[in-house]
C-alpha atoms as a PDB file:
ATOM      1  CA  UNK A   1      61.327 -35.818  30.670  1.00  0.00           C
ATOM      2  CA  UNK A   2      61.093 -39.444  31.757  1.00  0.00           C
ATOM      3  CA  UNK A   3      58.203 -40.630  33.912  1.00  0.00           C
ATOM      4  CA  UNK A   4      58.608 -43.799  35.885  1.00  0.00           C
ATOM      5  CA  UNK A   5      55.992 -46.574  35.257  1.00  0.00           C
ATOM      6  CA  UNK A   6      55.034 -46.389  38.936  1.00  0.00           C
ATOM      7  CA  UNK A   7      54.280 -42.671  38.650  1.00  0.00           C
ATOM      8  CA  UNK A   8      50.822 -43.299  37.188  1.00  0.00           C
ATOM      9  CA  UNK A   9      49.841 -45.611  40.022  1.00  0.00           C
ATOM     10  CA  UNK A  10      51.152 -43.086  42.554  1.00  0.00           C
ATOM     11  CA  UNK A  11      48.973 -40.360  41.018  1.00  0.00           C
ATOM     12  CA  UNK A  12      45.992 -42.731  41.056  1.00  0.00           C
ATOM     13  CA  UNK A  13      46.575 -43.492  44.744  1.00  0.00           C
ATOM     14  CA  UNK A  14      46.796 -39.780  45.564  1.00  0.00           C
ATOM     15  CA  UNK A  15      43.520 -39.056  43.752  1.00  0.00           C
ATOM     16  CA  UNK A  16      41.732 -41.963  45.439  1.00  0.00           C
ATOM     17  CA  UNK A  17      43.063 -40.969  48.873  1.00  0.00           C
ATOM     18  CA  UNK A  18      41.856 -37.398  48.312  1.00  0.00           C
ATOM     19  CA  UNK A  19      38.385 -38.559  47.305  1.00  0.00           C
ATOM     20  CA  UNK A  20      38.100 -40.930  50.252  1.00  0.00           C
ATOM     21  CA  UNK A  21      39.386 -38.262  52.635  1.00  0.00           C
ATOM     22  CA  UNK A  22      36.806 -35.794  51.356  1.00  0.00           C
ATOM     23  CA  UNK A  23      34.103 -38.435  51.808  1.00  0.00           C
ATOM     24  CA  UNK A  24      35.123 -39.014  55.416  1.00  0.00           C
ATOM     25  CA  UNK A  25      35.155 -35.266  56.117  1.00  0.00           C
ATOM     26  CA  UNK A  26      31.681 -34.864  54.644  1.00  0.00           C
ATOM     27  CA  UNK A  27      30.373 -37.767  56.705  1.00  0.00           C
ATOM     28  CA  UNK A  28      31.879 -36.437  59.944  1.00  0.00           C
ATOM     29  CA  UNK A  29      30.538 -32.900  59.467  1.00  0.00           C
ATOM     30  CA  UNK A  30      27.271 -33.808  57.667  1.00  0.00           C
ATOM     31  CA  UNK A  31      24.954 -32.324  60.338  1.00  0.00           C
ATOM     32  CA  UNK A  32      26.815 -29.013  60.303  1.00  0.00           C
ATOM     33  CA  UNK A  33      26.839 -28.931  56.498  1.00  0.00           C
ATOM     34  CA  UNK A  34      23.115 -29.710  56.379  1.00  0.00           C
ATOM     35  CA  UNK A  35      22.219 -26.958  58.845  1.00  0.00           C
ATOM     36  CA  UNK A  36      24.527 -24.513  57.046  1.00  0.00           C
ATOM     37  CA  UNK A  37      22.784 -24.943  53.671  1.00  0.00           C
ATOM     38  CA  UNK A  38      19.340 -26.037  54.842  1.00  0.00           C
ATOM     39  CA  UNK A  39      16.666 -24.200  56.666  1.00  0.00           C
ATOM     40  CA  UNK A  40      17.308 -23.911  60.361  1.00  0.00           C
ATOM     41  CA  UNK A  41      14.359 -25.798  61.766  1.00  0.00           C
ATOM     42  CA  UNK A  42      14.048 -25.563  65.541  1.00  0.00           C
ATOM     43  CA  UNK A  43      12.853 -29.191  65.810  1.00  0.00           C
ATOM     44  CA  UNK A  44      15.929 -30.525  64.015  1.00  0.00           C
ATOM     45  CA  UNK A  45      18.270 -28.570  66.274  1.00  0.00           C
ATOM     46  CA  UNK A  46      16.456 -29.795  69.404  1.00  0.00           C
ATOM     47  CA  UNK A  47      16.592 -33.389  68.174  1.00  0.00           C
ATOM     48  CA  UNK A  48      20.342 -33.071  67.553  1.00  0.00           C
ATOM     49  CA  UNK A  49      20.813 -31.672  71.063  1.00  0.00           C
ATOM     50  CA  UNK A  50      18.883 -34.609  72.540  1.00  0.00           C
ATOM     51  CA  UNK A  51      21.068 -37.077  70.631  1.00  0.00           C
ATOM     52  CA  UNK A  52      24.250 -35.334  71.806  1.00  0.00           C
ATOM     53  CA  UNK A  53      23.086 -35.431  75.440  1.00  0.00           C
ATOM     54  CA  UNK A  54      22.700 -39.233  75.304  1.00  0.00           C
ATOM     55  CA  UNK A  55      26.328 -39.748  74.202  1.00  0.00           C
END
């Protein structure tokens, strides 16, 4: 089976795009992820609600 010389760079681009995409997803949903795994502190939830009301 013959692999083109550009195949390696294509695989590298796919891996990098996947990592960057995962990073963006984590950043967008960070508050939800933090509250999912962290303790649900009432003060944190109220502060998030106040921030959302200002937007």
